[in-house]
């Protein structure tokens, strides 16, 4: 998958993860950046678990893997920084 596709999938994943994680104190921009990184991490981890590349292009499977990776990274970011979810 090209770097442009990774960025687009990561932005979508970051936005979805931001909605799921209730827009935390890191802000939308931080969540979008973490979404891009989550796409990379999620693809890598799922590749290790399943033994095949699940992030193969702009499709539902790729977005779901990226969202899971983004949620994990957003949660880890909030744990490390001690930020809480806004109510």
PDB file of N, CA and C in Angstrom:
ATOM      1  N   UNK A   1       0.851  -1.167   0.000  1.00  0.00           N
ATOM      2  CA  UNK A   1       0.000   0.000   0.000  1.00  0.00           C
ATOM      3  C   UNK A   1       0.897   1.230   0.000  1.00  0.00           C
ATOM      4  N   UNK A   2       0.523   2.229  -0.778  1.00  0.00           N
ATOM      5  CA  UNK A   2       1.351   3.433  -0.902  1.00  0.00           C
ATOM      6  C   UNK A   2       1.257   4.279   0.362  1.00  0.00           C
ATOM      7  N   UNK A   3       2.215   5.165   0.520  1.00  0.00           N
ATOM      8  CA  UNK A   3       2.255   6.041   1.693  1.00  0.00           C
ATOM      9  C   UNK A   3       1.025   6.955   1.742  1.00  0.00           C
ATOM     10  N   UNK A   4       0.535   7.386   0.589  1.00  0.00           N
ATOM     11  CA  UNK A   4      -0.678   8.225   0.546  1.00  0.00           C
ATOM     12  C   UNK A   4      -1.876   7.431   1.067  1.00  0.00           C
ATOM     13  N   UNK A   5      -1.999   6.186   0.667  1.00  0.00           N
ATOM     14  CA  UNK A   5      -3.103   5.341   1.145  1.00  0.00           C
ATOM     15  C   UNK A   5      -2.987   5.115   2.652  1.00  0.00           C
ATOM     16  N   UNK A   6      -1.763   4.912   3.173  1.00  0.00           N
ATOM     17  CA  UNK A   6      -1.559   4.758   4.618  1.00  0.00           C
ATOM     18  C   UNK A   6      -2.036   6.004   5.353  1.00  0.00           C
ATOM     19  N   UNK A   7      -1.703   7.172   4.811  1.00  0.00           N
ATOM     20  CA  UNK A   7      -2.096   8.427   5.459  1.00  0.00           C
ATOM     21  C   UNK A   7      -3.606   8.587   5.449  1.00  0.00           C
ATOM     22  N   UNK A   8      -4.246   8.313   4.314  1.00  0.00           N
ATOM     23  CA  UNK A   8      -5.703   8.449   4.219  1.00  0.00           C
ATOM     24  C   UNK A   8      -6.397   7.458   5.156  1.00  0.00           C
ATOM     25  N   UNK A   9      -5.980   6.209   5.121  1.00  0.00           N
ATOM     26  CA  UNK A   9      -6.571   5.200   6.010  1.00  0.00           C
ATOM     27  C   UNK A   9      -6.302   5.581   7.465  1.00  0.00           C
ATOM     28  N   UNK A  10      -5.111   6.069   7.752  1.00  0.00           N
ATOM     29  CA  UNK A  10      -4.771   6.493   9.112  1.00  0.00           C
ATOM     30  C   UNK A  10      -5.605   7.665   9.586  1.00  0.00           C
ATOM     31  N   UNK A  11      -5.861   8.633   8.704  1.00  0.00           N
ATOM     32  CA  UNK A  11      -6.708   9.771   9.077  1.00  0.00           C
ATOM     33  C   UNK A  11      -8.133   9.325   9.377  1.00  0.00           C
ATOM     34  N   UNK A  12      -8.655   8.444   8.540  1.00  0.00           N
ATOM     35  CA  UNK A  12      -9.998   7.914   8.774  1.00  0.00           C
ATOM     36  C   UNK A  12     -10.018   7.118  10.076  1.00  0.00           C
ATOM     37  N   UNK A  13      -9.020   6.277  10.274  1.00  0.00           N
ATOM     38  CA  UNK A  13      -8.949   5.475  11.502  1.00  0.00           C
ATOM     39  C   UNK A  13      -8.813   6.375  12.727  1.00  0.00           C
ATOM     40  N   UNK A  14      -8.012   7.417  12.629  1.00  0.00           N
ATOM     41  CA  UNK A  14      -7.847   8.353  13.744  1.00  0.00           C
ATOM     42  C   UNK A  14      -9.133   9.062  14.080  1.00  0.00           C
ATOM     43  N   UNK A  15      -9.875   9.458  13.065  1.00  0.00           N
ATOM     44  CA  UNK A  15     -11.145  10.136  13.283  1.00  0.00           C
ATOM     45  C   UNK A  15     -12.153   9.188  13.946  1.00  0.00           C
ATOM     46  N   UNK A  16     -12.246   7.953  13.435  1.00  0.00           N
ATOM     47  CA  UNK A  16     -13.165   6.968  14.015  1.00  0.00           C
ATOM     48  C   UNK A  16     -12.752   6.648  15.455  1.00  0.00           C
ATOM     49  N   UNK A  17     -11.455   6.452  15.676  1.00  0.00           N
ATOM     50  CA  UNK A  17     -10.972   6.160  17.033  1.00  0.00           C
ATOM     51  C   UNK A  17     -11.245   7.335  17.962  1.00  0.00           C
ATOM     52  N   UNK A  18     -11.115   8.558  17.449  1.00  0.00           N
ATOM     53  CA  UNK A  18     -11.420   9.754  18.231  1.00  0.00           C
ATOM     54  C   UNK A  18     -12.887   9.756  18.651  1.00  0.00           C
ATOM     55  N   UNK A  19     -13.776   9.365  17.741  1.00  0.00           N
ATOM     56  CA  UNK A  19     -15.200   9.303  18.066  1.00  0.00           C
ATOM     57  C   UNK A  19     -15.480   8.205  19.102  1.00  0.00           C
ATOM     58  N   UNK A  20     -14.815   7.068  18.967  1.00  0.00           N
ATOM     59  CA  UNK A  20     -15.008   5.961  19.901  1.00  0.00           C
ATOM     60  C   UNK A  20     -14.445   6.309  21.281  1.00  0.00           C
ATOM     61  N   UNK A  21     -13.285   6.959  21.298  1.00  0.00           N
ATOM     62  CA  UNK A  21     -12.608   7.268  22.556  1.00  0.00           C
ATOM     63  C   UNK A  21     -13.099   8.579  23.182  1.00  0.00           C
ATOM     64  N   UNK A  22     -14.143   9.173  22.681  1.00  0.00           N
ATOM     65  CA  UNK A  22     -14.790  10.363  23.245  1.00  0.00           C
ATOM     66  C   UNK A  22     -13.884  11.584  23.313  1.00  0.00           C
ATOM     67  N   UNK A  23     -13.299  11.937  22.200  1.00  0.00           N
ATOM     68  CA  UNK A  23     -12.442  13.126  22.038  1.00  0.00           C
ATOM     69  C   UNK A  23     -11.685  13.507  23.306  1.00  0.00           C
ATOM     70  N   UNK A  24     -10.591  12.845  23.508  1.00  0.00           N
ATOM     71  CA  UNK A  24      -9.788  13.047  24.706  1.00  0.00           C
ATOM     72  C   UNK A  24      -9.058  14.363  24.737  1.00  0.00           C
ATOM     73  N   UNK A  25      -8.352  14.567  25.792  1.00  0.00           N
ATOM     74  CA  UNK A  25      -7.664  15.829  26.030  1.00  0.00           C
ATOM     75  C   UNK A  25      -6.544  16.082  25.035  1.00  0.00           C
ATOM     76  N   UNK A  26      -6.080  15.055  24.335  1.00  0.00           N
ATOM     77  CA  UNK A  26      -5.024  15.230  23.345  1.00  0.00           C
ATOM     78  C   UNK A  26      -5.479  16.049  22.156  1.00  0.00           C
ATOM     79  N   UNK A  27      -6.755  16.068  21.888  1.00  0.00           N
ATOM     80  CA  UNK A  27      -7.299  16.850  20.796  1.00  0.00           C
ATOM     81  C   UNK A  27      -7.384  16.046  19.510  1.00  0.00           C
ATOM     82  N   UNK A  28      -8.118  16.612  18.572  1.00  0.00           N
ATOM     83  CA  UNK A  28      -8.355  15.939  17.299  1.00  0.00           C
ATOM     84  C   UNK A  28      -7.068  15.751  16.510  1.00  0.00           C
ATOM     85  N   UNK A  29      -6.210  16.756  16.470  1.00  0.00           N
ATOM     86  CA  UNK A  29      -4.968  16.653  15.705  1.00  0.00           C
ATOM     87  C   UNK A  29      -4.084  15.522  16.239  1.00  0.00           C
ATOM     88  N   UNK A  30      -3.948  15.447  17.552  1.00  0.00           N
ATOM     89  CA  UNK A  30      -3.144  14.371  18.145  1.00  0.00           C
ATOM     90  C   UNK A  30      -3.758  13.012  17.835  1.00  0.00           C
ATOM     91  N   UNK A  31      -5.098  12.930  17.895  1.00  0.00           N
ATOM     92  CA  UNK A  31      -5.758  11.661  17.594  1.00  0.00           C
ATOM     93  C   UNK A  31      -5.584  11.274  16.133  1.00  0.00           C
ATOM     94  N   UNK A  32      -5.569  12.243  15.227  1.00  0.00           N
ATOM     95  CA  UNK A  32      -5.350  11.940  13.809  1.00  0.00           C
ATOM     96  C   UNK A  32      -3.930  11.449  13.565  1.00  0.00           C
ATOM     97  N   UNK A  33      -2.963  12.076  14.206  1.00  0.00           N
ATOM     98  CA  UNK A  33      -1.575  11.621  14.073  1.00  0.00           C
ATOM     99  C   UNK A  33      -1.443  10.217  14.651  1.00  0.00           C
ATOM    100  N   UNK A  34      -2.070   9.984  15.810  1.00  0.00           N
ATOM    101  CA  UNK A  34      -2.035   8.652  16.395  1.00  0.00           C
ATOM    102  C   UNK A  34      -2.780   7.650  15.515  1.00  0.00           C
ATOM    103  N   UNK A  35      -3.777   8.117  14.769  1.00  0.00           N
ATOM    104  CA  UNK A  35      -4.481   7.247  13.829  1.00  0.00           C
ATOM    105  C   UNK A  35      -3.576   6.786  12.707  1.00  0.00           C
ATOM    106  N   UNK A  36      -2.757   7.691  12.191  1.00  0.00           N
ATOM    107  CA  UNK A  36      -1.808   7.316  11.140  1.00  0.00           C
ATOM    108  C   UNK A  36      -0.804   6.309  11.692  1.00  0.00           C
ATOM    109  N   UNK A  37      -0.283   6.586  12.880  1.00  0.00           N
ATOM    110  CA  UNK A  37       0.646   5.638  13.501  1.00  0.00           C
ATOM    111  C   UNK A  37      -0.059   4.327  13.848  1.00  0.00           C
ATOM    112  N   UNK A  38      -1.333   4.420  14.245  1.00  0.00           N
ATOM    113  CA  UNK A  38      -2.117   3.230  14.558  1.00  0.00           C
ATOM    114  C   UNK A  38      -2.326   2.343  13.349  1.00  0.00           C
ATOM    115  N   UNK A  39      -2.463   2.965  12.180  1.00  0.00           N
ATOM    116  CA  UNK A  39      -2.593   2.190  10.948  1.00  0.00           C
ATOM    117  C   UNK A  39      -1.333   1.363  10.706  1.00  0.00           C
ATOM    118  N   UNK A  40      -0.208   1.967  10.954  1.00  0.00           N
ATOM    119  CA  UNK A  40       1.064   1.266  10.758  1.00  0.00           C
ATOM    120  C   UNK A  40       1.237   0.169  11.814  1.00  0.00           C
ATOM    121  N   UNK A  41       1.024   0.534  13.082  1.00  0.00           N
ATOM    122  CA  UNK A  41       1.181  -0.433  14.171  1.00  0.00           C
ATOM    123  C   UNK A  41       0.157  -1.559  14.062  1.00  0.00           C
ATOM    124  N   UNK A  42      -1.106  -1.200  13.802  1.00  0.00           N
ATOM    125  CA  UNK A  42      -2.158  -2.211  13.681  1.00  0.00           C
ATOM    126  C   UNK A  42      -1.865  -3.193  12.563  1.00  0.00           C
ATOM    127  N   UNK A  43      -1.409  -2.683  11.423  1.00  0.00           N
ATOM    128  CA  UNK A  43      -1.057  -3.549  10.303  1.00  0.00           C
ATOM    129  C   UNK A  43       0.100  -4.471  10.635  1.00  0.00           C
ATOM    130  N   UNK A  44       1.097  -3.926  11.340  1.00  0.00           N
ATOM    131  CA  UNK A  44       2.253  -4.719  11.719  1.00  0.00           C
ATOM    132  C   UNK A  44       1.875  -5.820  12.709  1.00  0.00           C
ATOM    133  N   UNK A  45       1.116  -5.453  13.749  1.00  0.00           N
ATOM    134  CA  UNK A  45       0.730  -6.425  14.780  1.00  0.00           C
ATOM    135  C   UNK A  45      -0.169  -7.511  14.192  1.00  0.00           C
ATOM    136  N   UNK A  46      -1.138  -7.118  13.399  1.00  0.00           N
ATOM    137  CA  UNK A  46      -2.029  -8.121  12.797  1.00  0.00           C
ATOM    138  C   UNK A  46      -1.269  -9.023  11.835  1.00  0.00           C
ATOM    139  N   UNK A  47      -0.259  -8.478  11.174  1.00  0.00           N
ATOM    140  CA  UNK A  47       0.588  -9.297  10.316  1.00  0.00           C
ATOM    141  C   UNK A  47       1.346 -10.346  11.106  1.00  0.00           C
ATOM    142  N   UNK A  48       1.816  -9.952  12.302  1.00  0.00           N
ATOM    143  CA  UNK A  48       2.514 -10.908  13.162  1.00  0.00           C
ATOM    144  C   UNK A  48       1.562 -11.978  13.686  1.00  0.00           C
ATOM    145  N   UNK A  49       0.351 -11.569  14.041  1.00  0.00           N
ATOM    146  CA  UNK A  49      -0.614 -12.510  14.617  1.00  0.00           C
ATOM    147  C   UNK A  49      -1.138 -13.486  13.572  1.00  0.00           C
ATOM    148  N   UNK A  50      -1.531 -12.965  12.424  1.00  0.00           N
ATOM    149  CA  UNK A  50      -2.174 -13.810  11.406  1.00  0.00           C
ATOM    150  C   UNK A  50      -1.195 -14.389  10.398  1.00  0.00           C
ATOM    151  N   UNK A  51      -0.019 -13.796  10.292  1.00  0.00           N
ATOM    152  CA  UNK A  51       0.947 -14.290   9.324  1.00  0.00           C
ATOM    153  C   UNK A  51       0.704 -13.808   7.903  1.00  0.00           C
ATOM    154  N   UNK A  52      -0.223 -12.861   7.744  1.00  0.00           N
ATOM    155  CA  UNK A  52      -0.461 -12.311   6.410  1.00  0.00           C
ATOM    156  C   UNK A  52      -0.745 -10.819   6.536  1.00  0.00           C
ATOM    157  N   UNK A  53      -0.611 -10.118   5.442  1.00  0.00           N
ATOM    158  CA  UNK A  53      -0.807  -8.673   5.415  1.00  0.00           C
ATOM    159  C   UNK A  53      -2.296  -8.365   5.297  1.00  0.00           C
ATOM    160  N   UNK A  54      -2.902  -7.840   6.371  1.00  0.00           N
ATOM    161  CA  UNK A  54      -4.320  -7.519   6.345  1.00  0.00           C
ATOM    162  C   UNK A  54      -4.593  -6.114   5.819  1.00  0.00           C
ATOM    163  N   UNK A  55      -3.583  -5.267   5.838  1.00  0.00           N
ATOM    164  CA  UNK A  55      -3.750  -3.911   5.330  1.00  0.00           C
ATOM    165  C   UNK A  55      -3.211  -3.903   3.903  1.00  0.00           C
ATOM    166  N   UNK A  56      -4.127  -4.136   2.955  1.00  0.00           N
ATOM    167  CA  UNK A  56      -3.722  -4.319   1.561  1.00  0.00           C
ATOM    168  C   UNK A  56      -4.207  -3.224   0.636  1.00  0.00           C
ATOM    169  N   UNK A  57      -4.864  -2.257   1.143  1.00  0.00           N
ATOM    170  CA  UNK A  57      -5.387  -1.176   0.312  1.00  0.00           C
ATOM    171  C   UNK A  57      -6.499  -0.463   1.049  1.00  0.00           C
ATOM    172  N   UNK A  58      -7.230   0.337   0.335  1.00  0.00           N
ATOM    173  CA  UNK A  58      -8.321   1.084   0.949  1.00  0.00           C
ATOM    174  C   UNK A  58      -9.571   0.217   0.926  1.00  0.00           C
ATOM    175  N   UNK A  59      -9.752  -0.576   1.996  1.00  0.00           N
ATOM    176  CA  UNK A  59     -10.916  -1.447   2.121  1.00  0.00           C
ATOM    177  C   UNK A  59     -11.325  -1.532   3.585  1.00  0.00           C
ATOM    178  N   UNK A  60     -12.444  -2.170   3.849  1.00  0.00           N
ATOM    179  CA  UNK A  60     -12.985  -2.253   5.211  1.00  0.00           C
ATOM    180  C   UNK A  60     -12.020  -2.960   6.157  1.00  0.00           C
ATOM    181  N   UNK A  61     -11.414  -4.034   5.713  1.00  0.00           N
ATOM    182  CA  UNK A  61     -10.485  -4.782   6.559  1.00  0.00           C
ATOM    183  C   UNK A  61      -9.317  -3.904   7.000  1.00  0.00           C
ATOM    184  N   UNK A  62      -8.768  -3.130   6.076  1.00  0.00           N
ATOM    185  CA  UNK A  62      -7.655  -2.238   6.393  1.00  0.00           C
ATOM    186  C   UNK A  62      -8.068  -1.162   7.386  1.00  0.00           C
ATOM    187  N   UNK A  63      -9.247  -0.588   7.186  1.00  0.00           N
ATOM    188  CA  UNK A  63      -9.723   0.466   8.083  1.00  0.00           C
ATOM    189  C   UNK A  63      -9.964  -0.097   9.482  1.00  0.00           C
ATOM    190  N   UNK A  64     -10.558  -1.291   9.577  1.00  0.00           N
ATOM    191  CA  UNK A  64     -10.810  -1.894  10.890  1.00  0.00           C
ATOM    192  C   UNK A  64      -9.512  -2.192  11.638  1.00  0.00           C
ATOM    193  N   UNK A  65      -8.540  -2.740  10.957  1.00  0.00           N
ATOM    194  CA  UNK A  65      -7.244  -3.011  11.583  1.00  0.00           C
ATOM    195  C   UNK A  65      -6.605  -1.701  12.040  1.00  0.00           C
ATOM    196  N   UNK A  66      -6.711  -0.673  11.215  1.00  0.00           N
ATOM    197  CA  UNK A  66      -6.138   0.625  11.556  1.00  0.00           C
ATOM    198  C   UNK A  66      -6.851   1.270  12.735  1.00  0.00           C
ATOM    199  N   UNK A  67      -8.174   1.129  12.799  1.00  0.00           N
ATOM    200  CA  UNK A  67      -8.935   1.696  13.922  1.00  0.00           C
ATOM    201  C   UNK A  67      -8.518   1.014  15.222  1.00  0.00           C
ATOM    202  N   UNK A  68      -8.373  -0.291  15.202  1.00  0.00           N
ATOM    203  CA  UNK A  68      -7.945  -1.009  16.408  1.00  0.00           C
ATOM    204  C   UNK A  68      -6.555  -0.532  16.836  1.00  0.00           C
ATOM    205  N   UNK A  69      -5.643  -0.399  15.887  1.00  0.00           N
ATOM    206  CA  UNK A  69      -4.308   0.105  16.204  1.00  0.00           C
ATOM    207  C   UNK A  69      -4.355   1.523  16.755  1.00  0.00           C
ATOM    208  N   UNK A  70      -5.209   2.377  16.187  1.00  0.00           N
ATOM    209  CA  UNK A  70      -5.334   3.755  16.648  1.00  0.00           C
ATOM    210  C   UNK A  70      -5.925   3.820  18.047  1.00  0.00           C
ATOM    211  N   UNK A  71      -6.931   2.989  18.328  1.00  0.00           N
ATOM    212  CA  UNK A  71      -7.527   2.969  19.666  1.00  0.00           C
ATOM    213  C   UNK A  71      -6.487   2.550  20.704  1.00  0.00           C
ATOM    214  N   UNK A  72      -5.688   1.559  20.364  1.00  0.00           N
ATOM    215  CA  UNK A  72      -4.640   1.103  21.274  1.00  0.00           C
ATOM    216  C   UNK A  72      -3.633   2.223  21.526  1.00  0.00           C
ATOM    217  N   UNK A  73      -3.208   2.900  20.467  1.00  0.00           N
ATOM    218  CA  UNK A  73      -2.233   3.978  20.634  1.00  0.00           C
ATOM    219  C   UNK A  73      -2.815   5.177  21.378  1.00  0.00           C
ATOM    220  N   UNK A  74      -4.063   5.532  21.108  1.00  0.00           N
ATOM    221  CA  UNK A  74      -4.691   6.651  21.820  1.00  0.00           C
ATOM    222  C   UNK A  74      -4.809   6.311  23.310  1.00  0.00           C
ATOM    223  N   UNK A  75      -5.219   5.084  23.607  1.00  0.00           N
ATOM    224  CA  UNK A  75      -5.290   4.658  25.005  1.00  0.00           C
ATOM    225  C   UNK A  75      -3.932   4.694  25.684  1.00  0.00           C
ATOM    226  N   UNK A  76      -2.902   4.210  24.995  1.00  0.00           N
ATOM    227  CA  UNK A  76      -1.544   4.220  25.550  1.00  0.00           C
ATOM    228  C   UNK A  76      -1.052   5.653  25.741  1.00  0.00           C
ATOM    229  N   UNK A  77      -1.337   6.525  24.789  1.00  0.00           N
ATOM    230  CA  UNK A  77      -0.952   7.934  24.879  1.00  0.00           C
ATOM    231  C   UNK A  77      -1.586   8.587  26.099  1.00  0.00           C
ATOM    232  N   UNK A  78      -2.865   8.302  26.309  1.00  0.00           N
ATOM    233  CA  UNK A  78      -3.565   8.884  27.456  1.00  0.00           C
ATOM    234  C   UNK A  78      -3.051   8.310  28.774  1.00  0.00           C
ATOM    235  N   UNK A  79      -2.677   7.041  28.775  1.00  0.00           N
ATOM    236  CA  UNK A  79      -2.105   6.448  29.987  1.00  0.00           C
ATOM    237  C   UNK A  79      -0.768   7.092  30.333  1.00  0.00           C
ATOM    238  N   UNK A  80       0.088   7.269  29.343  1.00  0.00           N
ATOM    239  CA  UNK A  80       1.414   7.818  29.560  1.00  0.00           C
ATOM    240  C   UNK A  80       1.346   9.291  29.978  1.00  0.00           C
ATOM    241  N   UNK A  81       0.476  10.061  29.327  1.00  0.00           N
ATOM    242  CA  UNK A  81       0.396  11.494  29.624  1.00  0.00           C
ATOM    243  C   UNK A  81      -0.514  11.800  30.806  1.00  0.00           C
ATOM    244  N   UNK A  82      -1.279  10.829  31.271  1.00  0.00           N
ATOM    245  CA  UNK A  82      -2.167  11.042  32.397  1.00  0.00           C
ATOM    246  C   UNK A  82      -3.398  11.865  32.044  1.00  0.00           C
ATOM    247  N   UNK A  83      -3.697  11.997  30.754  1.00  0.00           N
ATOM    248  CA  UNK A  83      -4.859  12.774  30.334  1.00  0.00           C
ATOM    249  C   UNK A  83      -6.124  11.945  30.460  1.00  0.00           C
ATOM    250  N   UNK A  84      -7.183  12.614  30.841  1.00  0.00           N
ATOM    251  CA  UNK A  84      -8.467  11.968  31.015  1.00  0.00           C
ATOM    252  C   UNK A  84      -9.416  12.404  29.918  1.00  0.00           C
ATOM    253  N   UNK A  85     -10.470  11.640  29.732  1.00  0.00           N
ATOM    254  CA  UNK A  85     -11.487  11.966  28.741  1.00  0.00           C
ATOM    255  C   UNK A  85     -12.343  13.115  29.255  1.00  0.00           C
ATOM    256  N   UNK A  86     -12.615  14.075  28.372  1.00  0.00           N
ATOM    257  CA  UNK A  86     -13.501  15.182  28.751  1.00  0.00           C
ATOM    258  C   UNK A  86     -14.928  14.681  28.852  1.00  0.00           C
ATOM    259  N   UNK A  87     -15.657  15.214  29.813  1.00  0.00           N
ATOM    260  CA  UNK A  87     -17.059  14.808  29.935  1.00  0.00           C
ATOM    261  C   UNK A  87     -17.989  15.866  29.416  1.00  0.00           C
TER     262      UNK A  87
END
